[in-house]
Amino acid sequence: SQIQSQSQSQSQSQSQSQLQSQPQPQSQLQSQILVKQNKIVRSFEEVQNIEDEKIKKRQKRLIQNRQSAAASRQKRKEQFMELENKVLNLEKELSKQKELSNKLI
């Protein structure tokens, strides 16, 4: 009886050591979970990088658009000033022509 119990305890010890040497399903599951989490994190980072690029492109486009609009406003202002000067010069010329016309009459 004592020999049987020793034999059983040895076989239990051997089976426990065999179980420990084999990969445990829980640790495999945990490693699979970690791998999937890492993939998700990498995917999120890639999406974040893409979104950051889109934001940078949009900001660049907005800045260029503002610069273009400012240049357009400046050009329009300069053209308006040129037209004002032409109007003033033509008004002066008309005034001179009227004076000459009045002297001749």
C-alpha atoms as a PDB file:
ATOM      1  CA  SER A   1       0.000   0.000   0.000  1.00  0.00           C
ATOM      2  CA  GLN A   2       2.812   2.346   0.850  1.00  0.00           C
ATOM      3  CA  ILE A   3       4.608   1.376  -2.349  1.00  0.00           C
ATOM      4  CA  GLN A   4       1.496   2.103  -4.372  1.00  0.00           C
ATOM      5  CA  SER A   5       1.102   5.544  -2.849  1.00  0.00           C
ATOM      6  CA  GLN A   6       4.784   6.322  -3.568  1.00  0.00           C
ATOM      7  CA  SER A   7       4.322   5.099  -7.104  1.00  0.00           C
ATOM      8  CA  GLN A   8       1.207   7.248  -7.520  1.00  0.00           C
ATOM      9  CA  SER A   9       2.928  10.325  -6.140  1.00  0.00           C
ATOM     10  CA  GLN A  10       5.878   9.788  -8.511  1.00  0.00           C
ATOM     11  CA  SER A  11       3.547   9.417 -11.478  1.00  0.00           C
ATOM     12  CA  GLN A  12       1.690  12.566 -10.421  1.00  0.00           C
ATOM     13  CA  SER A  13       5.002  14.419 -10.177  1.00  0.00           C
ATOM     14  CA  GLN A  14       5.992  13.210 -13.629  1.00  0.00           C
ATOM     15  CA  SER A  15       2.669  14.206 -15.133  1.00  0.00           C
ATOM     16  CA  GLN A  16       2.899  17.650 -13.511  1.00  0.00           C
ATOM     17  CA  SER A  17       6.406  18.161 -14.877  1.00  0.00           C
ATOM     18  CA  GLN A  18       5.197  17.095 -18.315  1.00  0.00           C
ATOM     19  CA  LEU A  19       2.384  19.616 -18.116  1.00  0.00           C
ATOM     20  CA  GLN A  20       4.777  22.376 -17.147  1.00  0.00           C
ATOM     21  CA  SER A  21       7.146  21.564 -20.009  1.00  0.00           C
ATOM     22  CA  GLN A  22       4.313  21.679 -22.556  1.00  0.00           C
ATOM     23  CA  PRO A  23       3.147  25.161 -23.577  1.00  0.00           C
ATOM     24  CA  GLN A  24       0.155  26.020 -21.536  1.00  0.00           C
ATOM     25  CA  PRO A  25      -2.930  27.036 -23.439  1.00  0.00           C
ATOM     26  CA  GLN A  26      -3.328  30.151 -21.326  1.00  0.00           C
ATOM     27  CA  SER A  27       0.154  31.429 -22.109  1.00  0.00           C
ATOM     28  CA  GLN A  28      -0.405  30.718 -25.812  1.00  0.00           C
ATOM     29  CA  LEU A  29      -3.663  32.597 -25.642  1.00  0.00           C
ATOM     30  CA  GLN A  30      -1.994  35.476 -23.842  1.00  0.00           C
ATOM     31  CA  SER A  31       0.775  35.645 -26.438  1.00  0.00           C
ATOM     32  CA  GLN A  32      -1.818  35.578 -29.235  1.00  0.00           C
ATOM     33  CA  ILE A  33      -3.689  38.378 -27.519  1.00  0.00           C
ATOM     34  CA  LEU A  34      -0.463  40.387 -27.218  1.00  0.00           C
ATOM     35  CA  VAL A  35       0.314  39.845 -30.900  1.00  0.00           C
ATOM     36  CA  LYS A  36      -3.179  41.001 -31.869  1.00  0.00           C
ATOM     37  CA  GLN A  37      -2.925  44.008 -29.554  1.00  0.00           C
ATOM     38  CA  ASN A  38       0.405  44.938 -31.124  1.00  0.00           C
ATOM     39  CA  LYS A  39      -1.146  44.649 -34.596  1.00  0.00           C
ATOM     40  CA  ILE A  40      -4.022  46.863 -33.506  1.00  0.00           C
ATOM     41  CA  VAL A  41      -1.611  49.426 -32.065  1.00  0.00           C
ATOM     42  CA  ARG A  42       0.448  49.412 -35.266  1.00  0.00           C
ATOM     43  CA  SER A  43      -2.718  49.762 -37.351  1.00  0.00           C
ATOM     44  CA  PHE A  44      -3.866  52.641 -35.171  1.00  0.00           C
ATOM     45  CA  GLU A  45      -0.471  54.317 -35.516  1.00  0.00           C
ATOM     46  CA  GLU A  46      -0.607  53.898 -39.309  1.00  0.00           C
ATOM     47  CA  VAL A  47      -4.095  55.402 -39.401  1.00  0.00           C
ATOM     48  CA  GLN A  48      -2.906  58.208 -37.127  1.00  0.00           C
ATOM     49  CA  ASN A  49       0.053  58.860 -39.448  1.00  0.00           C
ATOM     50  CA  ILE A  50      -2.268  58.977 -42.451  1.00  0.00           C
ATOM     51  CA  GLU A  51      -4.598  61.358 -40.614  1.00  0.00           C
ATOM     52  CA  ASP A  52      -1.608  63.502 -39.574  1.00  0.00           C
ATOM     53  CA  GLU A  53      -0.503  63.639 -43.221  1.00  0.00           C
ATOM     54  CA  LYS A  54      -4.003  64.638 -44.305  1.00  0.00           C
ATOM     55  CA  ILE A  55      -4.075  67.355 -41.655  1.00  0.00           C
ATOM     56  CA  LYS A  56      -0.634  68.625 -42.723  1.00  0.00           C
ATOM     57  CA  LYS A  57      -1.669  68.663 -46.391  1.00  0.00           C
ATOM     58  CA  ARG A  58      -4.887  70.485 -45.539  1.00  0.00           C
ATOM     59  CA  GLN A  59      -3.025  73.054 -43.432  1.00  0.00           C
ATOM     60  CA  LYS A  60      -0.484  73.560 -46.210  1.00  0.00           C
ATOM     61  CA  ARG A  61      -3.299  73.999 -48.738  1.00  0.00           C
ATOM     62  CA  LEU A  62      -5.078  76.488 -46.454  1.00  0.00           C
ATOM     63  CA  ILE A  63      -1.888  78.499 -45.978  1.00  0.00           C
ATOM     64  CA  GLN A  64      -1.228  78.546 -49.716  1.00  0.00           C
ATOM     65  CA  ASN A  65      -4.840  79.561 -50.345  1.00  0.00           C
ATOM     66  CA  ARG A  66      -4.569  82.421 -47.829  1.00  0.00           C
ATOM     67  CA  GLN A  67      -1.328  83.598 -49.418  1.00  0.00           C
ATOM     68  CA  SER A  68      -2.894  83.438 -52.866  1.00  0.00           C
ATOM     69  CA  ALA A  69      -5.973  85.341 -51.664  1.00  0.00           C
ATOM     70  CA  ALA A  70      -3.789  88.012 -50.044  1.00  0.00           C
ATOM     71  CA  ALA A  71      -1.762  88.375 -53.261  1.00  0.00           C
ATOM     72  CA  SER A  72      -4.986  88.625 -55.262  1.00  0.00           C
ATOM     73  CA  ARG A  73      -6.356  91.335 -52.939  1.00  0.00           C
ATOM     74  CA  GLN A  74      -3.086  93.261 -53.191  1.00  0.00           C
ATOM     75  CA  LYS A  75      -3.109  93.033 -56.998  1.00  0.00           C
ATOM     76  CA  ARG A  76      -6.749  94.170 -57.139  1.00  0.00           C
ATOM     77  CA  LYS A  77      -5.921  97.084 -54.823  1.00  0.00           C
ATOM     78  CA  GLU A  78      -3.013  98.123 -57.048  1.00  0.00           C
ATOM     79  CA  GLN A  79      -5.204  97.886 -60.177  1.00  0.00           C
ATOM     80  CA  PHE A  80      -7.874  99.995 -58.480  1.00  0.00           C
ATOM     81  CA  MET A  81      -5.296 102.630 -57.549  1.00  0.00           C
ATOM     82  CA  GLU A  82      -4.037 102.687 -61.161  1.00  0.00           C
ATOM     83  CA  LEU A  83      -7.596 103.214 -62.399  1.00  0.00           C
ATOM     84  CA  GLU A  84      -8.134 105.999 -59.864  1.00  0.00           C
ATOM     85  CA  ASN A  85      -4.971 107.709 -61.119  1.00  0.00           C
ATOM     86  CA  LYS A  86      -6.159 107.371 -64.723  1.00  0.00           C
ATOM     87  CA  VAL A  87      -9.524 108.902 -63.768  1.00  0.00           C
ATOM     88  CA  LEU A  88      -7.773 111.834 -62.045  1.00  0.00           C
ATOM     89  CA  ASN A  89      -5.496 112.387 -65.052  1.00  0.00           C
ATOM     90  CA  LEU A  90      -8.430 112.236 -67.471  1.00  0.00           C
ATOM     91  CA  GLU A  91     -10.432 114.650 -65.321  1.00  0.00           C
ATOM     92  CA  LYS A  92      -7.481 117.075 -65.346  1.00  0.00           C
ATOM     93  CA  GLU A  93      -7.151 116.695 -69.116  1.00  0.00           C
ATOM     94  CA  LEU A  94     -10.899 117.301 -69.545  1.00  0.00           C
ATOM     95  CA  SER A  95     -10.705 120.376 -67.382  1.00  0.00           C
ATOM     96  CA  LYS A  96      -7.815 121.744 -69.493  1.00  0.00           C
ATOM     97  CA  GLN A  97      -9.729 121.016 -72.695  1.00  0.00           C
ATOM     98  CA  LYS A  98     -12.791 122.840 -71.355  1.00  0.00           C
ATOM     99  CA  GLU A  99     -10.670 125.861 -70.468  1.00  0.00           C
ATOM    100  CA  LEU A 100      -9.173 125.942 -73.960  1.00  0.00           C
ATOM    101  CA  SER A 101     -12.612 125.536 -75.463  1.00  0.00           C
ATOM    102  CA  ASN A 102     -13.978 128.430 -73.394  1.00  0.00           C
ATOM    103  CA  LYS A 103     -11.075 130.692 -74.428  1.00  0.00           C
ATOM    104  CA  LEU A 104     -11.721 129.994 -78.077  1.00  0.00           C
ATOM    105  CA  ILE A 105     -15.414 130.807 -77.845  1.00  0.00           C
END
